Amino acid sequence: MSDNAKVCWDSLPVEIVTQILLRLPIKPIIISTSVCKTWKSIIQNPTFIPTHLHHSINNNNHNLLLFRLCEDDADIKEIYALHNDDDNDFTEHTRFDFPLETHNYNPIFRVVGTCNGLVCLSDDLCVCTDQFFLWNPCVRKFLKLPYPNVTFTHGEFDASIGFGFDPKTNDYKVVRVVCLEIDPNTLKDRPAVEVFTLSSGEWRMITAALPPICIVNRFEAQVFVNGAIHWLAFRTTGVGIELDHFVLVFDLGDEVFREILLPKLPNPGECVYNLCAVYGNSIALFQTEFVVSRLLDIWVMKEYGVVSSWTKVLTVQGPGEVIPRAIGFRRNGKVVLKMDERKLSSQDIETQEKKDLRITSYIYTFVDSYVESLVLLDKAANGAVTY
């Protein structure tokens, strides 16, 4: 860079430079950190990063879906890609290199969830070794979390993970709900709860407000919506082997638990349930009937928190003996389905029109809305790794 050019960059007022940078996509901003020290300082300022995110969301610069796909081969290769979430242009926007090393006993990570450009990963699909990561693929940085307080040294347990953003403290939190007894018939104590905060870089136990006596399955998907994490939980009813399912909610701001009842479901003993976010600010329930009809029912809570607003909006019949599997939702409310072993499609809940997404995945498929962000760009001093 010539001396004249350098003088030109440095002569621009900081306020004008900041406003220009706030309107740029992620890639040009990353490049701009190399222009001069002033620009780098502006971009890596902790106040710039959330301001840029807020600007992107308000200007609808986030019409993207994040897919985690797996190829069917001996290595179980993980593929992470962004797609434009547009029916007229459902093309691949970006494909990311996966930076984390896997091992023979844990060949693949589980995606816990994504929020504001961060992806939370856990190693508990095969053998849990208590490793958790926060990864921002857009800025090519990841942070390995310290080991949690409750591990297998405490005995056998089932731990459910949640991830989201606390708007009260402007902080990212990872939550573990740990059941030290995993047989619902022998449960006596409430689960232990611990929270990791990105600002502190530490886990801490929650003692003031514990959840009810229940079990949340280790592989149960979490839903982060309205500032709270949601899991599908269950407990015994005291009548035979019947289980009472409900939505366990943890408010990230107040750090308290509450429950949301499920709709009255037919044939509850013959079904498998999964929870997933829908319509941006409410939740949905996937009910798979596997004994007789082998079909998928999708229930939507149309008014968040109002149990009477649960509505069955779609029933999907699989081809032959295959039971359809719901993966998640697109921003327009269309559900992403896996109708056979590999192919993904989406279906409109209102018109029931189906669309082949021309995407294939074998196992451990994940999809969620995604917004590109600069989160973690300023975290080098706190242990974030650049790759």
Protein backbone atom coordinates (compact mmCIF):
# COMPACT_ATOMS: atom_id res chain seq x y z
CA MET A 1 0.00 0.00 0.00
CA SER A 2 1.39 3.41 -0.94
CA ASP A 3 1.94 6.22 1.58
CA ASN A 4 -0.68 8.33 -0.21
CA ALA A 5 -3.28 5.59 0.14
CA LYS A 6 -2.46 5.16 3.80
CA VAL A 7 -2.93 8.86 4.42
CA CYS A 8 -6.28 8.68 2.61
CA TRP A 9 -7.57 5.88 4.84
CA ASP A 10 -6.37 7.56 8.03
CA SER A 11 -7.89 10.90 7.04
CA LEU A 12 -11.46 9.58 7.08
CA PRO A 13 -13.34 10.41 10.30
CA VAL A 14 -13.86 7.38 12.54
CA GLU A 15 -17.63 7.97 12.62
CA ILE A 16 -17.88 7.77 8.81
CA VAL A 17 -15.64 4.70 8.61
CA THR A 18 -17.75 2.98 11.26
CA GLN A 19 -21.01 3.67 9.41
CA ILE A 20 -19.52 2.35 6.17
CA LEU A 21 -18.21 -0.82 7.80
CA LEU A 22 -21.53 -1.50 9.54
CA ARG A 23 -23.19 -1.83 6.13
CA LEU A 24 -20.69 -4.31 4.70
CA PRO A 25 -21.11 -8.11 4.57
CA ILE A 26 -18.86 -10.29 6.71
CA LYS A 27 -16.15 -11.12 4.15
CA PRO A 28 -15.30 -7.50 3.20
CA ILE A 29 -15.21 -6.60 6.90
CA ILE A 30 -12.69 -9.35 7.62
CA ILE A 31 -10.56 -8.08 4.74
CA SER A 32 -10.89 -4.53 6.08
CA THR A 33 -9.10 -5.50 9.29
CA SER A 34 -5.91 -5.58 7.20
CA VAL A 35 -6.34 -2.08 5.74
CA CYS A 36 -4.95 -0.18 8.72
CA LYS A 37 -4.72 -0.31 12.50
CA THR A 38 -7.58 2.15 12.91
CA TRP A 39 -10.00 0.02 10.90
CA LYS A 40 -8.94 -3.14 12.71
CA SER A 41 -9.49 -1.43 16.06
CA ILE A 42 -12.98 -0.28 14.99
CA ILE A 43 -14.01 -3.75 13.76
CA GLN A 44 -12.69 -5.66 16.76
CA ASN A 45 -14.27 -3.26 19.22
CA PRO A 46 -16.81 -5.23 21.31
CA THR A 47 -19.49 -2.59 20.66
CA PHE A 48 -19.07 -2.79 16.88
CA ILE A 49 -19.76 -6.53 16.71
CA PRO A 50 -23.29 -6.52 18.22
CA THR A 51 -24.12 -3.29 16.38
CA HIS A 52 -23.22 -4.93 13.05
CA LEU A 53 -25.34 -7.97 13.97
CA HIS A 54 -28.29 -5.76 14.92
CA HIS A 55 -27.94 -3.85 11.64
CA SER A 56 -27.88 -7.09 9.62
CA ILE A 57 -30.99 -8.47 11.33
CA ASN A 58 -32.95 -5.23 11.00
CA ASN A 59 -32.10 -4.98 7.30
CA ASN A 60 -33.06 -8.61 6.65
CA ASN A 61 -29.54 -9.56 5.60
CA HIS A 62 -29.95 -13.02 7.09
CA ASN A 63 -32.14 -15.04 4.75
CA LEU A 64 -29.93 -18.10 5.13
CA LEU A 65 -30.23 -21.69 6.34
CA LEU A 66 -27.37 -23.59 7.93
CA PHE A 67 -27.22 -27.27 7.01
CA ARG A 68 -25.07 -29.90 8.69
CA LEU A 69 -25.01 -32.88 6.36
CA CYS A 70 -23.24 -36.23 6.59
CA GLU A 71 -21.98 -38.39 3.76
CA ASP A 72 -22.45 -42.14 3.92
CA ASP A 73 -18.88 -43.36 4.05
CA ALA A 74 -16.45 -44.90 6.52
CA ASP A 75 -15.27 -41.50 7.73
CA ILE A 76 -18.79 -40.03 8.25
CA LYS A 77 -17.64 -36.74 6.75
CA GLU A 78 -19.40 -33.67 8.12
CA ILE A 79 -20.45 -30.95 5.69
CA TYR A 80 -21.53 -27.49 6.87
CA ALA A 81 -23.10 -25.22 4.27
CA LEU A 82 -25.25 -22.11 4.06
CA HIS A 83 -28.09 -22.01 1.53
CA ASN A 84 -30.13 -19.05 0.35
CA ASP A 85 -33.59 -19.62 1.82
CA ASP A 86 -35.49 -18.55 -1.27
CA ASP A 87 -37.84 -20.81 -3.22
CA ASN A 88 -36.64 -19.23 -6.45
CA ASP A 89 -32.96 -19.47 -5.52
CA PHE A 90 -32.25 -22.26 -3.02
CA THR A 91 -28.59 -22.30 -3.97
CA GLU A 92 -25.55 -22.94 -1.84
CA HIS A 93 -24.25 -19.65 -0.47
CA THR A 94 -21.10 -20.83 1.35
CA ARG A 95 -19.49 -24.11 2.38
CA PHE A 96 -17.34 -24.16 5.52
CA ASP A 97 -14.26 -26.14 6.44
CA PHE A 98 -14.85 -28.02 9.68
CA PRO A 99 -11.96 -27.16 12.02
CA LEU A 100 -12.37 -29.71 14.81
CA GLU A 101 -10.53 -32.97 15.02
CA THR A 102 -12.62 -36.07 15.61
CA HIS A 103 -11.53 -39.41 17.02
CA ASN A 104 -12.33 -43.05 16.37
CA TYR A 105 -14.52 -43.28 19.47
CA ASN A 106 -16.27 -40.00 18.60
CA PRO A 107 -16.31 -39.69 14.82
CA ILE A 108 -18.80 -36.85 14.74
CA PHE A 109 -20.06 -33.90 16.77
CA ARG A 110 -23.70 -33.07 17.49
CA VAL A 111 -25.03 -29.60 16.71
CA VAL A 112 -26.77 -28.39 19.85
CA GLY A 113 -28.01 -25.20 18.19
CA THR A 114 -27.07 -21.97 16.49
CA CYS A 115 -27.61 -18.37 17.57
CA ASN A 116 -26.37 -15.08 16.07
CA GLY A 117 -23.77 -16.80 13.90
CA LEU A 118 -22.42 -19.08 16.64
CA VAL A 119 -22.77 -22.85 16.40
CA CYS A 120 -22.71 -24.87 19.63
CA LEU A 121 -21.24 -28.38 19.27
CA SER A 122 -21.20 -31.33 21.67
CA ASP A 123 -19.32 -34.62 21.47
CA ASP A 124 -22.10 -36.78 22.98
CA LEU A 125 -23.36 -38.66 19.92
CA CYS A 126 -21.20 -41.74 20.37
CA VAL A 127 -19.28 -41.47 23.65
CA CYS A 128 -19.55 -38.39 25.80
CA THR A 129 -16.15 -36.97 26.77
CA ASP A 130 -17.61 -33.68 28.02
CA GLN A 131 -16.24 -31.54 25.18
CA PHE A 132 -18.19 -28.52 23.99
CA PHE A 133 -17.30 -25.88 21.40
CA LEU A 134 -18.63 -22.53 20.23
CA TRP A 135 -17.78 -22.04 16.56
CA ASN A 136 -18.24 -19.08 14.23
CA PRO A 137 -17.45 -20.41 10.75
CA CYS A 138 -17.76 -16.94 9.16
CA VAL A 139 -14.78 -15.55 11.08
CA ARG A 140 -12.97 -18.92 11.22
CA LYS A 141 -12.76 -19.02 15.01
CA PHE A 142 -13.79 -21.55 17.62
CA LEU A 143 -13.67 -21.69 21.40
CA LYS A 144 -13.32 -24.91 23.37
CA LEU A 145 -15.28 -24.68 26.60
CA PRO A 146 -13.67 -25.81 29.88
CA TYR A 147 -14.80 -29.15 31.25
CA PRO A 148 -18.12 -28.85 33.11
CA ASN A 149 -18.53 -29.45 36.84
CA VAL A 150 -20.60 -32.65 36.54
CA THR A 151 -18.79 -35.43 34.63
CA PHE A 152 -18.82 -39.21 34.54
CA THR A 153 -16.75 -39.24 37.71
CA HIS A 154 -20.10 -38.61 39.43
CA GLY A 155 -21.55 -41.84 38.00
CA GLU A 156 -23.92 -42.62 35.15
CA PHE A 157 -26.10 -39.71 34.05
CA ASP A 158 -28.02 -38.19 31.16
CA ALA A 159 -27.16 -34.58 30.28
CA SER A 160 -29.16 -32.34 27.97
CA ILE A 161 -27.55 -29.28 26.41
CA GLY A 162 -29.05 -25.94 25.46
CA PHE A 163 -27.59 -22.82 23.86
CA GLY A 164 -28.81 -19.28 23.40
CA PHE A 165 -28.37 -15.55 23.96
CA ASP A 166 -29.34 -13.67 27.10
CA PRO A 167 -30.57 -10.21 26.03
CA LYS A 168 -30.51 -8.94 29.62
CA THR A 169 -26.74 -9.34 29.96
CA ASN A 170 -25.87 -9.44 26.23
CA ASP A 171 -24.15 -12.76 26.85
CA TYR A 172 -24.16 -16.22 25.27
CA LYS A 173 -24.96 -19.17 27.52
CA VAL A 174 -24.61 -22.95 27.30
CA VAL A 175 -26.86 -24.85 29.73
CA ARG A 176 -26.55 -28.45 30.97
CA VAL A 177 -29.46 -30.23 32.67
CA VAL A 178 -27.98 -33.35 34.27
CA CYS A 179 -30.04 -36.30 35.53
CA LEU A 180 -27.85 -38.52 37.71
CA GLU A 181 -30.49 -41.26 37.60
CA ILE A 182 -31.79 -42.11 34.13
CA ASP A 183 -34.55 -44.57 35.08
CA PRO A 184 -37.80 -42.58 35.41
CA ASN A 185 -39.12 -45.13 37.92
CA THR A 186 -36.26 -44.46 40.36
CA LEU A 187 -36.03 -40.67 40.07
CA LYS A 188 -35.97 -38.99 43.47
CA ASP A 189 -33.99 -35.80 42.97
CA ARG A 190 -34.27 -32.82 40.68
CA PRO A 191 -31.68 -32.62 37.87
CA ALA A 192 -28.51 -30.64 38.47
CA VAL A 193 -28.10 -27.54 36.29
CA GLU A 194 -24.95 -25.67 35.27
CA VAL A 195 -24.48 -22.68 33.00
CA PHE A 196 -21.46 -21.55 30.96
CA THR A 197 -21.31 -17.85 30.08
CA LEU A 198 -19.11 -16.61 27.25
CA SER A 199 -18.20 -13.42 29.12
CA SER A 200 -16.80 -15.27 32.14
CA GLY A 201 -15.47 -18.34 30.31
CA GLU A 202 -16.61 -20.52 33.24
CA TRP A 203 -19.30 -22.98 34.31
CA ARG A 204 -21.33 -22.33 37.45
CA MET A 205 -23.97 -24.39 39.21
CA ILE A 206 -27.57 -23.13 39.44
CA THR A 207 -28.94 -23.66 42.94
CA ALA A 208 -31.66 -21.04 43.39
CA ALA A 209 -34.17 -22.44 40.88
CA LEU A 210 -33.96 -26.12 39.92
CA PRO A 211 -36.18 -27.90 37.38
CA PRO A 212 -38.87 -30.39 38.42
CA ILE A 213 -38.04 -34.08 38.85
CA CYS A 214 -37.86 -35.26 35.25
CA ILE A 215 -35.62 -36.58 32.47
CA VAL A 216 -34.57 -34.75 29.32
CA ASN A 217 -33.15 -37.15 26.75
CA ARG A 218 -29.48 -36.54 25.92
CA PHE A 219 -30.25 -36.42 22.18
CA GLU A 220 -33.38 -34.30 22.47
CA ALA A 221 -33.16 -31.22 20.27
CA GLN A 222 -33.31 -27.89 22.06
CA VAL A 223 -35.31 -24.90 20.92
CA PHE A 224 -34.10 -21.37 21.66
CA VAL A 225 -36.89 -18.84 21.23
CA ASN A 226 -38.16 -15.78 23.15
CA GLY A 227 -35.02 -15.66 25.27
CA ALA A 228 -35.53 -19.17 26.64
CA ILE A 229 -34.33 -22.72 25.95
CA HIS A 230 -36.96 -25.42 25.47
CA TRP A 231 -36.57 -29.19 25.74
CA LEU A 232 -39.06 -32.05 25.60
CA ALA A 233 -38.99 -33.73 29.03
CA PHE A 234 -40.86 -36.58 30.67
CA ARG A 235 -41.64 -38.10 34.07
CA THR A 236 -43.69 -41.02 35.35
CA THR A 237 -47.41 -40.55 35.93
CA GLY A 238 -47.60 -43.18 38.65
CA VAL A 239 -49.94 -45.26 36.47
CA GLY A 240 -48.17 -48.33 35.11
CA ILE A 241 -45.42 -47.45 32.63
CA GLU A 242 -47.13 -44.31 31.35
CA LEU A 243 -44.94 -41.24 30.90
CA ASP A 244 -46.04 -37.62 31.16
CA HIS A 245 -44.36 -35.52 28.46
CA PHE A 246 -44.09 -31.74 28.69
CA VAL A 247 -41.92 -28.84 27.51
CA LEU A 248 -39.26 -27.82 30.03
CA VAL A 249 -38.39 -24.12 29.64
CA PHE A 250 -35.32 -22.33 31.03
CA ASP A 251 -35.35 -18.53 30.86
CA LEU A 252 -31.79 -17.37 30.16
CA GLY A 253 -32.32 -13.92 31.66
CA ASP A 254 -33.96 -14.82 34.98
CA GLU A 255 -32.43 -18.33 35.05
CA VAL A 256 -35.67 -19.95 36.20
CA PHE A 257 -37.60 -22.98 34.93
CA ARG A 258 -41.21 -23.33 33.93
CA GLU A 259 -43.32 -25.89 32.08
CA ILE A 260 -45.50 -25.80 28.96
CA LEU A 261 -48.10 -28.54 28.61
CA LEU A 262 -48.42 -30.48 25.36
CA PRO A 263 -51.67 -30.84 23.42
CA LYS A 264 -53.86 -33.86 24.13
CA LEU A 265 -52.30 -36.40 21.79
CA PRO A 266 -53.92 -39.58 20.45
CA ASN A 267 -52.17 -42.91 21.12
CA PRO A 268 -49.38 -41.40 23.24
CA GLY A 269 -47.84 -44.81 24.02
CA GLU A 270 -47.34 -45.56 20.32
CA CYS A 271 -45.56 -42.36 19.39
CA VAL A 272 -42.17 -40.69 19.50
CA TYR A 273 -42.03 -36.94 20.10
CA ASN A 274 -39.52 -34.29 19.04
CA LEU A 275 -39.54 -30.54 19.56
CA CYS A 276 -38.53 -27.87 17.05
CA ALA A 277 -38.82 -24.07 16.69
CA VAL A 278 -41.23 -22.67 14.16
CA TYR A 279 -42.38 -19.27 12.88
CA GLY A 280 -39.54 -17.49 14.67
CA ASN A 281 -41.27 -16.88 18.01
CA SER A 282 -43.12 -20.05 18.94
CA ILE A 283 -42.61 -23.82 19.15
CA ALA A 284 -43.76 -26.92 17.31
CA LEU A 285 -44.06 -30.60 18.17
CA PHE A 286 -43.28 -33.49 15.83
CA GLN A 287 -45.29 -36.61 16.67
CA THR A 288 -44.22 -39.82 14.91
CA GLU A 289 -46.72 -42.71 15.03
CA PHE A 290 -44.74 -45.89 14.37
CA VAL A 291 -47.03 -48.81 15.32
CA VAL A 292 -50.01 -48.71 12.96
CA SER A 293 -50.21 -45.77 10.55
CA ARG A 294 -46.46 -44.92 10.42
CA LEU A 295 -46.93 -41.22 9.82
CA LEU A 296 -45.77 -37.85 11.09
CA ASP A 297 -48.05 -35.25 12.70
CA ILE A 298 -46.85 -31.65 13.13
CA TRP A 299 -48.36 -29.56 15.93
CA VAL A 300 -47.80 -25.82 16.22
CA MET A 301 -48.33 -23.62 19.28
CA LYS A 302 -49.78 -20.68 17.37
CA GLU A 303 -49.73 -18.34 20.38
CA TYR A 304 -46.58 -18.85 22.39
CA GLY A 305 -47.23 -20.02 25.95
CA VAL A 306 -50.97 -20.58 25.39
CA VAL A 307 -51.65 -24.32 25.67
CA SER A 308 -55.07 -24.05 24.02
CA SER A 309 -53.39 -22.71 20.85
CA TRP A 310 -51.70 -26.04 20.04
CA THR A 311 -52.95 -26.96 16.55
CA LYS A 312 -52.18 -29.95 14.34
CA VAL A 313 -51.25 -28.31 11.04
CA LEU A 314 -49.90 -31.16 8.91
CA THR A 315 -49.85 -34.95 8.61
CA VAL A 316 -47.18 -36.52 6.41
CA GLN A 317 -47.32 -40.12 5.15
CA GLY A 318 -44.06 -41.72 4.12
CA PRO A 319 -43.44 -43.77 1.00
CA GLY A 320 -43.96 -47.46 1.82
CA GLU A 321 -42.59 -48.42 5.22
CA VAL A 322 -40.47 -45.28 5.56
CA ILE A 323 -41.57 -42.91 8.33
CA PRO A 324 -41.00 -39.26 7.38
CA ARG A 325 -38.65 -37.34 9.65
CA ALA A 326 -38.98 -33.60 10.29
CA ILE A 327 -35.58 -31.87 10.43
CA GLY A 328 -36.57 -28.26 11.05
CA PHE A 329 -38.27 -25.22 9.57
CA ARG A 330 -37.41 -22.66 6.96
CA ARG A 331 -37.96 -18.95 7.65
CA ASN A 332 -41.14 -18.96 5.60
CA GLY A 333 -42.62 -21.65 7.88
CA LYS A 334 -42.16 -24.56 5.47
CA VAL A 335 -41.02 -27.73 7.19
CA VAL A 336 -37.83 -29.52 6.05
CA LEU A 337 -38.44 -33.26 5.74
CA LYS A 338 -36.39 -36.35 5.13
CA MET A 339 -38.74 -38.63 3.22
CA ASP A 340 -36.27 -41.48 2.65
CA GLU A 341 -32.73 -42.32 3.74
CA ARG A 342 -31.10 -39.39 1.98
CA LYS A 343 -33.19 -36.80 0.12
CA LEU A 344 -34.39 -33.60 1.79
CA SER A 345 -37.53 -31.77 0.75
CA SER A 346 -39.67 -28.96 2.16
CA GLN A 347 -43.44 -28.83 2.44
CA ASP A 348 -45.76 -25.87 2.76
CA ILE A 349 -48.01 -26.30 5.79
CA GLU A 350 -50.85 -24.27 4.22
CA THR A 351 -50.88 -25.56 0.63
CA GLN A 352 -49.09 -28.89 1.34
CA GLU A 353 -47.00 -28.24 -1.77
CA LYS A 354 -43.69 -30.13 -1.70
CA LYS A 355 -40.33 -29.02 -3.07
CA ASP A 356 -37.23 -31.13 -3.63
CA LEU A 357 -34.32 -29.22 -2.07
CA ARG A 358 -31.77 -31.22 -4.11
CA ILE A 359 -29.79 -31.83 -0.93
CA THR A 360 -28.87 -35.26 0.41
CA SER A 361 -27.69 -36.37 3.82
CA TYR A 362 -27.35 -39.78 5.39
CA ILE A 363 -27.47 -39.32 9.18
CA TYR A 364 -27.30 -36.63 11.89
CA THR A 365 -28.87 -34.00 9.64
CA PHE A 366 -29.35 -30.52 11.09
CA VAL A 367 -30.97 -27.38 9.69
CA ASP A 368 -31.71 -24.01 11.23
CA SER A 369 -31.95 -20.37 10.21
CA TYR A 370 -28.63 -18.57 10.33
CA VAL A 371 -27.30 -15.03 10.37
CA GLU A 372 -23.68 -14.25 9.55
CA SER A 373 -21.96 -12.38 12.36
CA LEU A 374 -18.61 -11.26 13.80
CA VAL A 375 -19.14 -12.88 17.22
CA LEU A 376 -15.83 -14.29 18.60
CA LEU A 377 -13.77 -11.98 16.37
CA ASP A 378 -12.64 -10.09 19.48
CA LYS A 379 -12.09 -13.18 21.64
CA ALA A 380 -8.49 -14.11 20.78
CA ALA A 381 -7.35 -13.11 24.25
CA ASN A 382 -9.98 -15.36 25.84
CA GLY A 383 -8.84 -18.55 24.15
CA ALA A 384 -10.65 -18.46 20.80
CA VAL A 385 -8.63 -20.29 18.15
CA THR A 386 -8.21 -18.96 14.62
CA TYR A 387 -7.82 -21.60 11.91
